[in-house]
């Protein structure tokens, strides 16, 4: 039977816990940076969608010409 000193066992457990905590911190930082980048992209897309909606509302009224398809389609 092999006998291991208690200090070795505690050192191994402490090292594993430290490694897991470090990996968790790195992954958390990575996920946080990706989410903030994604939030910026979504905000920019929201602005673009708003401008496109304004363009559609403006163009749906027609150009004012008598032969305009959109003017008579409404």
Protein backbone atom coordinates (compact mmCIF):
# COMPACT_ATOMS: atom_id res chain seq x y z
CA UNK A 1 0.00 0.00 0.00
CA UNK A 2 1.25 3.47 -0.94
CA UNK A 3 1.03 6.19 1.65
CA UNK A 4 0.83 9.78 0.49
CA UNK A 5 1.45 12.63 2.88
CA UNK A 6 -1.55 14.83 3.57
CA UNK A 7 0.38 17.89 2.38
CA UNK A 8 0.79 16.35 -1.09
CA UNK A 9 -2.91 15.59 -1.38
CA UNK A 10 -3.82 19.12 -0.27
CA UNK A 11 -1.27 20.58 -2.70
CA UNK A 12 -2.72 18.58 -5.60
CA UNK A 13 -6.28 19.61 -4.71
CA UNK A 14 -5.23 23.25 -4.33
CA UNK A 15 -3.39 23.20 -7.67
CA UNK A 16 -6.39 21.70 -9.46
CA UNK A 17 -8.73 24.23 -7.87
CA UNK A 18 -6.41 27.09 -8.88
CA UNK A 19 -6.19 25.78 -12.45
CA UNK A 20 -9.96 25.47 -12.73
CA UNK A 21 -10.44 28.96 -11.28
CA UNK A 22 -7.92 30.43 -13.75
CA UNK A 23 -9.58 28.73 -16.71
CA UNK A 24 -12.99 29.93 -15.53
CA UNK A 25 -11.71 33.51 -15.24
CA UNK A 26 -10.21 33.39 -18.74
CA UNK A 27 -13.42 31.96 -20.22
CA UNK A 28 -15.52 34.56 -18.37
CA UNK A 29 -13.38 37.39 -19.74
CA UNK A 30 -13.61 35.97 -23.26
CA UNK A 31 -17.38 35.57 -23.08
CA UNK A 32 -17.80 39.05 -21.61
CA UNK A 33 -15.78 40.63 -24.43
CA UNK A 34 -17.70 38.70 -27.09
CA UNK A 35 -21.06 39.71 -25.57
CA UNK A 36 -20.08 43.39 -25.49
CA UNK A 37 -18.97 43.18 -29.14
CA UNK A 38 -22.25 41.50 -30.03
CA UNK A 39 -24.21 44.21 -28.19
CA UNK A 40 -22.45 46.88 -30.27
CA UNK A 41 -23.31 45.02 -33.48
CA UNK A 42 -26.96 44.69 -32.44
CA UNK A 43 -27.11 48.41 -31.61
CA UNK A 44 -25.69 49.32 -35.04
CA UNK A 45 -28.17 46.97 -36.72
CA UNK A 46 -31.02 48.62 -34.81
CA UNK A 47 -30.01 52.01 -36.18
CA UNK A 48 -29.80 50.58 -39.71
CA UNK A 49 -33.22 48.94 -39.37
CA UNK A 50 -34.71 52.24 -38.19
CA UNK A 51 -33.32 54.07 -41.22
CA UNK A 52 -34.59 51.36 -43.56
CA UNK A 53 -38.06 51.57 -42.02
CA UNK A 54 -38.06 55.34 -42.57
CA UNK A 55 -37.04 54.78 -46.22
CA UNK A 56 -39.81 52.23 -46.75
CA UNK A 57 -42.40 54.56 -45.22
CA UNK A 58 -41.19 57.41 -47.43
CA UNK A 59 -41.10 55.33 -50.61
CA UNK A 60 -44.50 53.75 -49.91
CA UNK A 61 -46.11 57.15 -50.47
CA UNK A 62 -44.97 57.17 -54.09
CA UNK A 63 -42.94 59.65 -56.07
CA UNK A 64 -45.84 61.96 -56.90
CA UNK A 65 -45.99 61.18 -60.62
CA UNK A 66 -49.39 60.23 -62.08
CA UNK A 67 -47.96 57.02 -63.53
CA UNK A 68 -46.35 55.99 -60.24
CA UNK A 69 -47.25 52.37 -59.38
CA UNK A 70 -46.90 52.91 -55.63
CA UNK A 71 -49.09 56.01 -55.60
CA UNK A 72 -52.05 54.12 -57.06
CA UNK A 73 -51.31 50.89 -55.23
CA UNK A 74 -52.17 52.38 -51.85
